PDB file of N, CA and C in Angstrom:
ATOM      1  N   MET A   1      96.382 101.066 102.012  1.00  0.00           N
ATOM      2  CA  MET A   1      95.248 101.248 102.872  1.00  0.00           C
ATOM      3  C   MET A   1      94.872 102.719 102.850  1.00  0.00           C
ATOM      4  N   ASP A   2      93.611 102.962 102.804  1.00  0.00           N
ATOM      5  CA  ASP A   2      93.130 104.335 102.728  1.00  0.00           C
ATOM      6  C   ASP A   2      92.982 104.912 104.128  1.00  0.00           C
ATOM      7  N   LYS A   3      94.119 105.146 104.749  1.00  0.00           N
ATOM      8  CA  LYS A   3      94.172 105.735 106.085  1.00  0.00           C
ATOM      9  C   LYS A   3      95.508 106.429 106.232  1.00  0.00           C
ATOM     10  N   PRO A   4      95.632 107.379 107.143  1.00  0.00           N
ATOM     11  CA  PRO A   4      96.862 108.158 107.239  1.00  0.00           C
ATOM     12  C   PRO A   4      98.073 107.376 107.745  1.00  0.00           C
ATOM     13  N   LYS A   5      97.843 106.345 108.564  1.00  0.00           N
ATOM     14  CA  LYS A   5      98.963 105.624 109.161  1.00  0.00           C
ATOM     15  C   LYS A   5      98.595 104.151 109.323  1.00  0.00           C
ATOM     16  N   ILE A   6      99.540 103.269 109.034  1.00  0.00           N
ATOM     17  CA  ILE A   6      99.326 101.840 109.249  1.00  0.00           C
ATOM     18  C   ILE A   6      99.663 101.527 110.697  1.00  0.00           C
ATOM     19  N   GLU A   7      98.773 100.788 111.326  1.00  0.00           N
ATOM     20  CA  GLU A   7      98.951 100.456 112.738  1.00  0.00           C
ATOM     21  C   GLU A   7      99.135  98.958 112.911  1.00  0.00           C
ATOM     22  N   ALA A   8      99.560  98.549 114.101  1.00  0.00           N
ATOM     23  CA  ALA A   8      99.845  97.138 114.377  1.00  0.00           C
ATOM     24  C   ALA A   8      98.647  96.246 114.071  1.00  0.00           C
ATOM     25  N   GLU A   9      97.466  96.686 114.375  1.00  0.00           N
ATOM     26  CA  GLU A   9      96.270  95.861 114.127  1.00  0.00           C
ATOM     27  C   GLU A   9      96.033  95.634 112.629  1.00  0.00           C
ATOM     28  N   ASP A  10      96.521  96.538 111.802  1.00  0.00           N
ATOM     29  CA  ASP A  10      96.394  96.342 110.350  1.00  0.00           C
ATOM     30  C   ASP A  10      97.192  95.126 109.897  1.00  0.00           C
ATOM     31  N   TYR A  11      98.345  94.924 110.494  1.00  0.00           N
ATOM     32  CA  TYR A  11      99.135  93.741 110.162  1.00  0.00           C
ATOM     33  C   TYR A  11      98.410  92.474 110.595  1.00  0.00           C
ATOM     34  N   ASP A  12      97.787  92.538 111.775  1.00  0.00           N
ATOM     35  CA  ASP A  12      97.030  91.375 112.265  1.00  0.00           C
ATOM     36  C   ASP A  12      95.823  91.081 111.384  1.00  0.00           C
ATOM     37  N   ASN A  13      95.136  92.129 110.951  1.00  0.00           N
ATOM     38  CA  ASN A  13      93.889  91.953 110.204  1.00  0.00           C
ATOM     39  C   ASN A  13      94.083  91.739 108.711  1.00  0.00           C
ATOM     40  N   VAL A  14      95.150  92.258 108.141  1.00  0.00           N
ATOM     41  CA  VAL A  14      95.344  92.192 106.692  1.00  0.00           C
ATOM     42  C   VAL A  14      96.499  91.267 106.314  1.00  0.00           C
ATOM     43  N   SER A  15      97.659  91.492 106.888  1.00  0.00           N
ATOM     44  CA  SER A  15      98.846  90.713 106.498  1.00  0.00           C
ATOM     45  C   SER A  15      98.811  89.277 106.994  1.00  0.00           C
ATOM     46  N   TYR A  16      98.478  89.087 108.261  1.00  0.00           N
ATOM     47  CA  TYR A  16      98.570  87.754 108.835  1.00  0.00           C
ATOM     48  C   TYR A  16      97.665  86.731 108.144  1.00  0.00           C
ATOM     49  N   PRO A  17      96.430  87.072 107.777  1.00  0.00           N
ATOM     50  CA  PRO A  17      95.621  86.088 107.041  1.00  0.00           C
ATOM     51  C   PRO A  17      96.280  85.649 105.722  1.00  0.00           C
ATOM     52  N   LEU A  18      96.996  86.540 105.076  1.00  0.00           N
ATOM     53  CA  LEU A  18      97.702  86.167 103.849  1.00  0.00           C
ATOM     54  C   LEU A  18      98.872  85.234 104.141  1.00  0.00           C
ATOM     55  N   VAL A  19      99.533  85.458 105.257  1.00  0.00           N
ATOM     56  CA  VAL A  19     100.626  84.566 105.663  1.00  0.00           C
ATOM     57  C   VAL A  19     100.059  83.176 105.956  1.00  0.00           C
ATOM     58  N   GLU A  20      98.921  83.116 106.635  1.00  0.00           N
ATOM     59  CA  GLU A  20      98.280  81.819 106.880  1.00  0.00           C
ATOM     60  C   GLU A  20      97.893  81.141 105.570  1.00  0.00           C
ATOM     61  N   LEU A  21      97.438  81.923 104.611  1.00  0.00           N
ATOM     62  CA  LEU A  21      97.084  81.369 103.311  1.00  0.00           C
ATOM     63  C   LEU A  21      98.318  80.770 102.630  1.00  0.00           C
ATOM     64  N   ASP A  22      99.451  81.446 102.735  1.00  0.00           N
ATOM     65  CA  ASP A  22     100.647  80.895 102.083  1.00  0.00           C
ATOM     66  C   ASP A  22     101.062  79.576 102.724  1.00  0.00           C
ATOM     67  N   TRP A  23     100.837  79.422 104.013  1.00  0.00           N
ATOM     68  CA  TRP A  23     101.140  78.133 104.653  1.00  0.00           C
ATOM     69  C   TRP A  23     100.264  77.028 104.069  1.00  0.00           C
ATOM     70  N   SER A  24      98.985  77.325 103.904  1.00  0.00           N
ATOM     71  CA  SER A  24      98.066  76.296 103.412  1.00  0.00           C
ATOM     72  C   SER A  24      98.308  75.966 101.930  1.00  0.00           C
ATOM     73  N   LEU A  25      98.814  76.942 101.168  1.00  0.00           N
ATOM     74  CA  LEU A  25      99.087  76.715  99.749  1.00  0.00           C
ATOM     75  C   LEU A  25     100.518  76.238  99.499  1.00  0.00           C
ATOM     76  N   ASN A  26     101.317  76.226 100.555  1.00  0.00           N
ATOM     77  CA  ASN A  26     102.735  75.890 100.443  1.00  0.00           C
ATOM     78  C   ASN A  26     103.438  76.834  99.453  1.00  0.00           C
ATOM     79  N   GLU A  27     103.104  78.092  99.571  1.00  0.00           N
ATOM     80  CA  GLU A  27     103.679  79.163  98.746  1.00  0.00           C
ATOM     81  C   GLU A  27     104.282  80.204  99.667  1.00  0.00           C
ATOM     82  N   CYS A  28     104.962  81.167  99.070  1.00  0.00           N
ATOM     83  CA  CYS A  28     105.554  82.261  99.842  1.00  0.00           C
ATOM     84  C   CYS A  28     104.847  83.566  99.479  1.00  0.00           C
ATOM     85  N   ILE A  29     104.047  84.054 100.391  1.00  0.00           N
ATOM     86  CA  ILE A  29     103.354  85.330 100.208  1.00  0.00           C
ATOM     87  C   ILE A  29     103.925  86.289 101.246  1.00  0.00           C
ATOM     88  N   SER A  30     104.442  87.405 100.795  1.00  0.00           N
ATOM     89  CA  SER A  30     105.027  88.398 101.699  1.00  0.00           C
ATOM     90  C   SER A  30     104.294  89.723 101.526  1.00  0.00           C
ATOM     91  N   PRO A  31     103.184  89.884 102.215  1.00  0.00           N
ATOM     92  CA  PRO A  31     102.401  91.107 102.037  1.00  0.00           C
ATOM     93  C   PRO A  31     103.120  92.339 102.584  1.00  0.00           C
ATOM     94  N   VAL A  32     103.000  93.418 101.858  1.00  0.00           N
ATOM     95  CA  VAL A  32     103.547  94.704 102.274  1.00  0.00           C
ATOM     96  C   VAL A  32     102.388  95.687 102.319  1.00  0.00           C
ATOM     97  N   LEU A  33     102.257  96.379 103.415  1.00  0.00           N
ATOM     98  CA  LEU A  33     101.172  97.336 103.569  1.00  0.00           C
ATOM     99  C   LEU A  33     101.688  98.749 103.318  1.00  0.00           C
ATOM    100  N   TYR A  34     100.928  99.505 102.552  1.00  0.00           N
ATOM    101  CA  TYR A  34     101.213 100.910 102.294  1.00  0.00           C
ATOM    102  C   TYR A  34      99.962 101.718 102.594  1.00  0.00           C
ATOM    103  N   THR A  35     100.162 102.950 103.042  1.00  0.00           N
ATOM    104  CA  THR A  35      99.035 103.869 103.071  1.00  0.00           C
ATOM    105  C   THR A  35      98.803 104.303 101.631  1.00  0.00           C
ATOM    106  N   MET A  36      97.656 104.872 101.364  1.00  0.00           N
ATOM    107  CA  MET A  36      97.369 105.324 100.006  1.00  0.00           C
ATOM    108  C   MET A  36      98.395 106.373  99.568  1.00  0.00           C
ATOM    109  N   LYS A  37      98.761 107.261 100.462  1.00  0.00           N
ATOM    110  CA  LYS A  37      99.736 108.304 100.145  1.00  0.00           C
ATOM    111  C   LYS A  37     101.093 107.690  99.789  1.00  0.00           C
ATOM    112  N   GLU A  38     101.533 106.686 100.565  1.00  0.00           N
ATOM    113  CA  GLU A  38     102.804 106.024 100.276  1.00  0.00           C
ATOM    114  C   GLU A  38     102.751 105.304  98.929  1.00  0.00           C
ATOM    115  N   ARG A  39     101.641 104.649  98.645  1.00  0.00           N
ATOM    116  CA  ARG A  39     101.499 103.894  97.398  1.00  0.00           C
ATOM    117  C   ARG A  39     101.514 104.820  96.188  1.00  0.00           C
ATOM    118  N   LEU A  40     100.814 105.945  96.289  1.00  0.00           N
ATOM    119  CA  LEU A  40     100.806 106.895  95.176  1.00  0.00           C
ATOM    120  C   LEU A  40     102.203 107.467  94.946  1.00  0.00           C
ATOM    121  N   LYS A  41     102.922 107.732  96.031  1.00  0.00           N
ATOM    122  CA  LYS A  41     104.290 108.237  95.906  1.00  0.00           C
ATOM    123  C   LYS A  41     105.168 107.187  95.232  1.00  0.00           C
ATOM    124  N   HIS A  42     105.045 105.934  95.656  1.00  0.00           N
ATOM    125  CA  HIS A  42     105.825 104.840  95.078  1.00  0.00           C
ATOM    126  C   HIS A  42     105.480 104.659  93.602  1.00  0.00           C
ATOM    127  N   HIS A  43     104.190 104.708  93.277  1.00  0.00           N
ATOM    128  CA  HIS A  43     103.734 104.549  91.902  1.00  0.00           C
ATOM    129  C   HIS A  43     104.276 105.675  91.023  1.00  0.00           C
ATOM    130  N   LEU A  44     104.270 106.876  91.538  1.00  0.00           N
ATOM    131  CA  LEU A  44     104.770 108.020  90.785  1.00  0.00           C
ATOM    132  C   LEU A  44     106.267 107.882  90.524  1.00  0.00           C
ATOM    133  N   LEU A  45     107.020 107.407  91.508  1.00  0.00           N
ATOM    134  CA  LEU A  45     108.462 107.203  91.306  1.00  0.00           C
ATOM    135  C   LEU A  45     108.716 106.143  90.242  1.00  0.00           C
ATOM    136  N   GLN A  46     107.927 105.068  90.250  1.00  0.00           N
ATOM    137  CA  GLN A  46     108.071 104.044  89.216  1.00  0.00           C
ATOM    138  C   GLN A  46     107.810 104.634  87.839  1.00  0.00           C
ATOM    139  N   LEU A  47     106.797 105.444  87.723  1.00  0.00           N
ATOM    140  CA  LEU A  47     106.462 106.075  86.445  1.00  0.00           C
ATOM    141  C   LEU A  47     107.605 106.970  85.976  1.00  0.00           C
ATOM    142  N   ILE A  48     108.196 107.719  86.888  1.00  0.00           N
ATOM    143  CA  ILE A  48     109.316 108.595  86.530  1.00  0.00           C
ATOM    144  C   ILE A  48     110.494 107.768  86.010  1.00  0.00           C
ATOM    145  N   TYR A  49     110.803 106.644  86.671  1.00  0.00           N
ATOM    146  CA  TYR A  49     111.900 105.784  86.214  1.00  0.00           C
ATOM    147  C   TYR A  49     111.608 105.191  84.837  1.00  0.00           C
ATOM    148  N   VAL A  50     110.386 104.769  84.611  1.00  0.00           N
ATOM    149  CA  VAL A  50     110.021 104.198  83.311  1.00  0.00           C
ATOM    150  C   VAL A  50     110.141 105.254  82.219  1.00  0.00           C
ATOM    151  N   LEU A  51     109.655 106.444  82.489  1.00  0.00           N
ATOM    152  CA  LEU A  51     109.736 107.516  81.490  1.00  0.00           C
ATOM    153  C   LEU A  51     111.192 107.877  81.186  1.00  0.00           C
ATOM    154  N   ALA A  52     112.036 107.902  82.204  1.00  0.00           N
ATOM    155  CA  ALA A  52     113.456 108.196  81.980  1.00  0.00           C
ATOM    156  C   ALA A  52     114.096 107.099  81.137  1.00  0.00           C
ATOM    157  N   TYR A  53     113.748 105.860  81.400  1.00  0.00           N
ATOM    158  CA  TYR A  53     114.276 104.747  80.617  1.00  0.00           C
ATOM    159  C   TYR A  53     113.821 104.853  79.163  1.00  0.00           C
ATOM    160  N   LEU A  54     112.548 105.113  78.956  1.00  0.00           N
ATOM    161  CA  LEU A  54     112.022 105.228  77.593  1.00  0.00           C
ATOM    162  C   LEU A  54     112.688 106.379  76.845  1.00  0.00           C
ATOM    163  N   LYS A  55     112.915 107.475  77.543  1.00  0.00           N
ATOM    164  CA  LYS A  55     113.581 108.617  76.922  1.00  0.00           C
ATOM    165  C   LYS A  55     114.994 108.243  76.483  1.00  0.00           C
ATOM    166  N   SER A  56     115.723 107.530  77.340  1.00  0.00           N
ATOM    167  CA  SER A  56     117.092 107.149  76.981  1.00  0.00           C
ATOM    168  C   SER A  56     117.096 106.135  75.835  1.00  0.00           C
ATOM    169  N   GLU A  57     116.136 105.214  75.825  1.00  0.00           N
ATOM    170  CA  GLU A  57     116.047 104.239  74.735  1.00  0.00           C
ATOM    171  C   GLU A  57     115.691 104.917  73.411  1.00  0.00           C
ATOM    172  N   LEU A  58     114.781 105.865  73.457  1.00  0.00           N
ATOM    173  CA  LEU A  58     114.401 106.594  72.250  1.00  0.00           C
ATOM    174  C   LEU A  58     115.596 107.367  71.706  1.00  0.00           C
ATOM    175  N   ALA A  59     116.347 108.005  72.590  1.00  0.00           N
ATOM    176  CA  ALA A  59     117.537 108.749  72.163  1.00  0.00           C
ATOM    177  C   ALA A  59     118.562 107.794  71.550  1.00  0.00           C
ATOM    178  N   ARG A  60     118.741 106.641  72.154  1.00  0.00           N
ATOM    179  CA  ARG A  60     119.687 105.648  71.630  1.00  0.00           C
ATOM    180  C   ARG A  60     119.271 105.201  70.233  1.00  0.00           C
ATOM    181  N   ILE A  61     117.990 104.952  70.053  1.00  0.00           N
ATOM    182  CA  ILE A  61     117.486 104.498  68.746  1.00  0.00           C
ATOM    183  C   ILE A  61     117.634 105.586  67.700  1.00  0.00           C
ATOM    184  N   LEU A  62     117.277 106.811  68.057  1.00  0.00           N
ATOM    185  CA  LEU A  62     117.340 107.913  67.105  1.00  0.00           C
ATOM    186  C   LEU A  62     118.779 108.234  66.694  1.00  0.00           C
ATOM    187  N   TYR A  63     119.699 108.170  67.658  1.00  0.00           N
ATOM    188  CA  TYR A  63     121.084 108.531  67.353  1.00  0.00           C
ATOM    189  C   TYR A  63     121.884 107.379  66.756  1.00  0.00           C
ATOM    190  N   SER A  64     121.331 106.167  66.794  1.00  0.00           N
ATOM    191  CA  SER A  64     122.064 105.034  66.209  1.00  0.00           C
ATOM    192  C   SER A  64     121.864 104.945  64.705  1.00  0.00           C
ATOM    193  N   HIS A  65     120.930 105.699  64.158  1.00  0.00           N
ATOM    194  CA  HIS A  65     120.661 105.648  62.701  1.00  0.00           C
ATOM    195  C   HIS A  65     121.321 106.787  61.993  1.00  0.00           C
TER     196      HIS A  65
END
């Protein structure tokens, strides 16, 4: 969400309709709300982990030959 802080009403307005949808579809939807700042931080951490993994895989491939 593009706001500084997630508030209780955000769960009522955004998350709860998705929970109602999962009941009607007989599926399990577990919405998680993030502020934009939290999401960008999370996305950046994922990118760092992927890059570290790729670096280790590249080193493994290069040194195995």
